[in-house]
């Protein structure tokens, strides 16, 4: 396990750090090589790290809102949207007026963090359906380096938790990205489009095998270059309102599909 997860688990379990010469069964930890995250992401990441050492899943963020939320009413088709900043920025009330849809997106999160907070931010809220949109930050390596297999394992673990608690599952495909503006100049270098396509292909097959809903946002937002259509984003990652307007009916159809599954 890589820092910061390894240290967090060690301290939370009350484990002392080994003194030189003490026996240990695990291999030596790798040296962490930092990269230059730029003038905005760098300071943001530095500020975030101390908080993640205490609560890597950032479960404290929605704890008050979860405590204030009443149980679903009789017949209520509650849906929780779980994800990163793409979900966090999605105005669900505007996209799905009158629907009991709950936003539990947190900016910059990776799948491992969502897995840690899945019980608190999804299961305890007793939704009929969870809509999971995750993976773009894993690909970037913003918090930890992960292989496609690790991302897929985290997706599968979240799905297993949902199934164990009788919650229907919808996965959203990872959105395409682009580098068409100055604000997006490094996006494609850090989030390889071919890797996104490969992960989405795995996710589509996984959903088909399990009978989950699959919201294919990627196909609706991509242009002939395999990148996000310029009109849908300014920074190359996050959709504008017109992008969310395209995504909303796709999510709605996938939710309806999930609800029909026995």
Protein backbone atom coordinates (compact mmCIF):
# COMPACT_ATOMS: atom_id res chain seq x y z
CA UNK A 1 0.00 0.00 0.00
CA UNK A 2 1.24 3.45 -0.82
CA UNK A 3 1.33 6.62 1.28
CA UNK A 4 -0.95 8.12 2.51
CA UNK A 5 -3.19 5.06 2.90
CA UNK A 6 -0.54 2.87 4.52
CA UNK A 7 0.35 5.44 7.17
CA UNK A 8 -3.28 6.24 7.85
CA UNK A 9 -4.12 2.57 8.45
CA UNK A 10 -1.05 2.07 10.61
CA UNK A 11 -1.84 5.02 12.88
CA UNK A 12 -5.57 4.25 13.04
CA UNK A 13 -4.76 0.72 14.20
CA UNK A 14 -2.35 2.01 16.82
CA UNK A 15 0.62 0.35 15.17
CA UNK A 16 4.06 1.66 16.14
CA UNK A 17 6.61 2.41 13.47
CA UNK A 18 9.34 -0.22 13.42
CA UNK A 19 12.72 0.68 14.89
CA UNK A 20 15.84 -0.08 12.84
CA UNK A 21 16.72 -3.75 13.08
CA UNK A 22 13.23 -4.88 14.11
CA UNK A 23 11.79 -7.86 12.27
CA UNK A 24 9.20 -7.07 9.60
CA UNK A 25 7.58 -9.35 7.05
CA UNK A 26 6.65 -6.66 4.52
CA UNK A 27 9.07 -5.30 1.91
CA UNK A 28 10.62 -1.87 2.34
CA UNK A 29 8.42 1.03 1.36
CA UNK A 30 9.18 2.82 -1.89
CA UNK A 31 10.46 6.36 -1.87
CA UNK A 32 7.72 8.76 -2.94
CA UNK A 33 8.78 10.92 -5.87
CA UNK A 34 6.76 14.11 -5.99
CA UNK A 35 5.91 15.84 -9.25
CA UNK A 36 5.14 19.46 -9.98
CA UNK A 37 1.36 19.72 -9.87
CA UNK A 38 1.33 23.33 -11.03
CA UNK A 39 0.35 26.65 -9.45
CA UNK A 40 -3.21 25.61 -8.54
CA UNK A 41 -3.20 21.85 -7.99
CA UNK A 42 0.09 21.92 -6.09
CA UNK A 43 -1.07 24.17 -3.22
CA UNK A 44 -4.47 22.46 -3.20
CA UNK A 45 -2.87 19.03 -2.87
CA UNK A 46 -0.49 20.22 -0.12
CA UNK A 47 -3.39 21.66 1.85
CA UNK A 48 -5.44 18.49 1.39
CA UNK A 49 -2.86 15.96 2.56
CA UNK A 50 -2.94 16.64 6.34
CA UNK A 51 -6.72 16.21 6.31
CA UNK A 52 -6.45 12.93 4.38
CA UNK A 53 -4.02 11.58 6.97
CA UNK A 54 -6.85 11.83 9.49
CA UNK A 55 -9.77 10.79 7.26
CA UNK A 56 -8.72 9.50 3.84
CA UNK A 57 -12.32 8.95 2.77
CA UNK A 58 -13.30 12.48 3.88
CA UNK A 59 -16.35 11.04 5.59
CA UNK A 60 -16.67 14.13 7.76
CA UNK A 61 -17.80 16.26 4.80
CA UNK A 62 -21.31 14.84 4.44
CA UNK A 63 -21.72 13.57 8.02
CA UNK A 64 -23.95 16.51 9.14
CA UNK A 65 -26.11 16.36 6.00
CA UNK A 66 -26.53 12.60 6.36
CA UNK A 67 -27.55 12.95 10.00
CA UNK A 68 -30.16 15.57 9.06
CA UNK A 69 -31.65 13.50 6.24
CA UNK A 70 -34.85 11.66 7.12
CA UNK A 71 -35.54 8.09 6.03
CA UNK A 72 -37.13 7.62 2.60
CA UNK A 73 -40.90 7.95 2.57
CA UNK A 74 -43.14 5.06 1.59
CA UNK A 75 -42.71 4.45 -2.14
CA UNK A 76 -39.89 7.00 -2.52
CA UNK A 77 -37.44 6.17 -5.30
CA UNK A 78 -34.41 7.72 -3.63
CA UNK A 79 -31.21 7.81 -5.69
CA UNK A 80 -27.73 8.71 -4.44
CA UNK A 81 -25.19 10.05 -6.93
CA UNK A 82 -21.69 9.16 -5.71
CA UNK A 83 -18.61 10.60 -7.34
CA UNK A 84 -15.90 13.23 -7.59
CA UNK A 85 -16.09 16.89 -8.66
CA UNK A 86 -18.01 16.04 -11.85
CA UNK A 87 -20.82 14.77 -9.63
CA UNK A 88 -20.26 17.45 -6.98
CA UNK A 89 -20.83 20.20 -9.57
CA UNK A 90 -23.97 18.55 -10.97
CA UNK A 91 -27.09 20.50 -9.96
CA UNK A 92 -29.37 17.50 -9.56
CA UNK A 93 -32.38 19.60 -8.59
CA UNK A 94 -32.14 21.46 -11.91
CA UNK A 95 -31.49 18.33 -13.98
CA UNK A 96 -34.09 16.15 -12.24
CA UNK A 97 -36.77 18.51 -10.86
CA UNK A 98 -38.94 17.02 -8.17
CA UNK A 99 -36.91 13.81 -7.94
CA UNK A 100 -35.53 12.62 -4.57
CA UNK A 101 -31.97 12.51 -5.88
CA UNK A 102 -29.12 13.14 -3.44
CA UNK A 103 -25.68 14.43 -4.41
CA UNK A 104 -22.71 12.88 -2.64
CA UNK A 105 -19.89 14.05 -4.88
CA UNK A 106 -16.57 15.28 -3.48
CA UNK A 107 -14.02 17.08 -5.62
CA UNK A 108 -10.67 15.38 -6.37
CA UNK A 109 -11.72 12.01 -4.93
CA UNK A 110 -10.52 8.65 -6.21
CA UNK A 111 -12.35 5.31 -6.13
CA UNK A 112 -10.54 4.15 -2.98
CA UNK A 113 -11.94 7.13 -1.07
CA UNK A 114 -15.47 6.52 -2.34
CA UNK A 115 -15.18 2.90 -1.24
CA UNK A 116 -14.22 4.05 2.27
CA UNK A 117 -17.24 6.34 2.56
CA UNK A 118 -19.69 4.10 0.72
CA UNK A 119 -21.40 2.86 3.87
CA UNK A 120 -21.95 6.32 5.32
CA UNK A 121 -22.76 8.25 2.15
CA UNK A 122 -24.79 5.58 0.35
CA UNK A 123 -25.93 2.57 2.37
CA UNK A 124 -27.10 4.45 5.47
CA UNK A 125 -29.24 6.75 3.28
CA UNK A 126 -31.26 3.72 2.09
CA UNK A 127 -31.57 4.61 -1.59
CA UNK A 128 -33.22 2.42 -4.18
CA UNK A 129 -30.36 3.14 -6.60
CA UNK A 130 -26.78 4.39 -6.44
CA UNK A 131 -25.26 6.11 -9.49
CA UNK A 132 -21.47 5.83 -9.38
CA UNK A 133 -19.27 8.07 -11.54
CA UNK A 134 -15.62 7.61 -10.64
CA UNK A 135 -12.16 6.96 -12.02
CA UNK A 136 -10.94 10.09 -13.78
CA UNK A 137 -8.82 11.18 -10.80
CA UNK A 138 -7.44 7.65 -10.40
CA UNK A 139 -6.19 7.80 -13.97
CA UNK A 140 -4.50 11.14 -13.31
CA UNK A 141 -2.75 9.76 -10.22
CA UNK A 142 -3.64 12.83 -8.18
CA UNK A 143 -3.64 11.05 -4.80
CA UNK A 144 -2.17 7.63 -5.53
CA UNK A 145 -0.86 5.67 -8.48
CA UNK A 146 -3.32 2.97 -9.51
CA UNK A 147 -3.42 0.37 -12.25
CA UNK A 148 -6.59 -0.22 -14.28
CA UNK A 149 -7.03 -3.46 -12.35
CA UNK A 150 -7.08 -1.57 -9.04
CA UNK A 151 -9.68 0.87 -10.33
CA UNK A 152 -11.82 -2.03 -11.55
CA UNK A 153 -11.47 -3.79 -8.19
CA UNK A 154 -12.71 -0.67 -6.38
CA UNK A 155 -15.69 -0.41 -8.74
CA UNK A 156 -16.48 -4.06 -8.10
CA UNK A 157 -16.18 -3.65 -4.32
CA UNK A 158 -18.64 -0.73 -4.32
CA UNK A 159 -21.07 -2.77 -6.41
CA UNK A 160 -20.76 -5.72 -4.02
CA UNK A 161 -21.56 -3.47 -1.06
CA UNK A 162 -24.61 -2.06 -2.83
CA UNK A 163 -25.90 -5.52 -3.74
CA UNK A 164 -25.42 -6.78 -0.19
CA UNK A 165 -27.74 -3.99 0.98
CA UNK A 166 -30.32 -4.44 -1.79
CA UNK A 167 -29.40 -1.22 -3.61
CA UNK A 168 -29.66 -1.18 -7.40
CA UNK A 169 -26.48 -0.13 -9.20
CA UNK A 170 -25.81 2.27 -12.07
CA UNK A 171 -22.30 3.06 -13.26
CA UNK A 172 -21.53 6.09 -15.36
CA UNK A 173 -18.78 5.81 -17.94
CA UNK A 174 -15.74 8.00 -17.39
CA UNK A 175 -16.22 11.19 -19.38
CA UNK A 176 -13.90 12.06 -22.27
CA UNK A 177 -11.40 14.86 -21.77
CA UNK A 178 -9.80 17.44 -24.05
CA UNK A 179 -6.95 19.94 -24.24
CA UNK A 180 -8.57 22.55 -26.46
CA UNK A 181 -8.13 25.55 -24.15
CA UNK A 182 -5.29 27.05 -22.14
CA UNK A 183 -6.99 25.86 -18.96
CA UNK A 184 -6.99 22.31 -20.34
CA UNK A 185 -3.50 22.22 -21.84
CA UNK A 186 -2.18 19.40 -19.60
CA UNK A 187 -5.38 17.38 -19.27
CA UNK A 188 -4.87 14.87 -22.08
CA UNK A 189 -1.24 14.22 -21.06
CA UNK A 190 -2.38 13.28 -17.54
CA UNK A 191 -5.55 11.39 -18.51
CA UNK A 192 -4.83 9.31 -21.59
CA UNK A 193 -8.01 9.01 -23.72
CA UNK A 194 -7.16 5.45 -24.75
CA UNK A 195 -6.97 4.40 -21.10
CA UNK A 196 -10.38 5.95 -20.46
CA UNK A 197 -11.83 4.00 -23.41
CA UNK A 198 -10.33 0.74 -22.13
CA UNK A 199 -11.70 1.28 -18.62
CA UNK A 200 -15.13 2.16 -20.01
CA UNK A 201 -15.12 -1.00 -22.12
CA UNK A 202 -14.42 -3.09 -19.01
CA UNK A 203 -17.12 -1.25 -17.08
CA UNK A 204 -19.74 -1.74 -19.81
CA UNK A 205 -19.05 -5.49 -19.85
CA UNK A 206 -19.12 -5.66 -16.05
CA UNK A 207 -22.50 -3.91 -15.93
CA UNK A 208 -23.93 -6.18 -18.63
CA UNK A 209 -22.77 -9.31 -16.79
CA UNK A 210 -24.24 -8.13 -13.50
CA UNK A 211 -27.42 -6.59 -14.90
CA UNK A 212 -26.54 -3.06 -13.76
CA UNK A 213 -27.54 0.17 -15.43
CA UNK A 214 -24.81 1.73 -17.54
CA UNK A 215 -24.92 5.45 -18.30
CA UNK A 216 -22.69 5.96 -21.32
CA UNK A 217 -21.83 9.63 -20.96
CA UNK A 218 -18.63 9.16 -22.93
CA UNK A 219 -20.37 8.26 -26.17
CA UNK A 220 -22.65 11.29 -25.92
CA UNK A 221 -19.92 13.85 -25.15
CA UNK A 222 -17.03 12.66 -27.34
CA UNK A 223 -16.07 14.30 -30.64
CA UNK A 224 -14.49 12.88 -33.81
CA UNK A 225 -11.02 13.26 -32.24
CA UNK A 226 -11.92 11.01 -29.33
CA UNK A 227 -11.95 13.99 -26.97
CA UNK A 228 -14.72 15.86 -25.18
CA UNK A 229 -16.63 18.13 -27.52
CA UNK A 230 -15.28 21.65 -27.06
CA UNK A 231 -18.69 23.20 -26.43
CA UNK A 232 -19.29 21.00 -23.36
CA UNK A 233 -16.32 22.05 -21.23
CA UNK A 234 -13.97 24.92 -20.50
CA UNK A 235 -11.26 23.12 -18.51
CA UNK A 236 -11.24 19.86 -20.47
CA UNK A 237 -12.62 17.74 -17.60
CA UNK A 238 -15.77 19.24 -16.05
CA UNK A 239 -18.94 19.60 -18.10
CA UNK A 240 -20.67 22.93 -18.47
CA UNK A 241 -24.44 23.18 -17.99
CA UNK A 242 -25.03 22.05 -21.58
CA UNK A 243 -22.91 18.98 -20.91
CA UNK A 244 -24.93 18.06 -17.85
CA UNK A 245 -28.08 18.61 -19.93
CA UNK A 246 -26.82 15.85 -22.26
CA UNK A 247 -25.92 13.57 -19.35
CA UNK A 248 -29.20 13.87 -17.43
CA UNK A 249 -31.48 11.82 -19.70
CA UNK A 250 -28.76 9.18 -20.06
CA UNK A 251 -28.61 8.84 -16.27
CA UNK A 252 -32.40 8.78 -16.05
CA UNK A 253 -32.69 5.93 -18.54
CA UNK A 254 -30.01 3.94 -16.70
CA UNK A 255 -31.77 4.49 -13.37
CA UNK A 256 -35.05 3.29 -14.88
CA UNK A 257 -33.26 0.24 -16.26
CA UNK A 258 -31.79 -0.56 -12.83
CA UNK A 259 -35.16 -0.21 -11.11
CA UNK A 260 -36.68 -2.73 -13.53
CA UNK A 261 -34.07 -5.34 -12.65
CA UNK A 262 -35.27 -8.03 -10.26
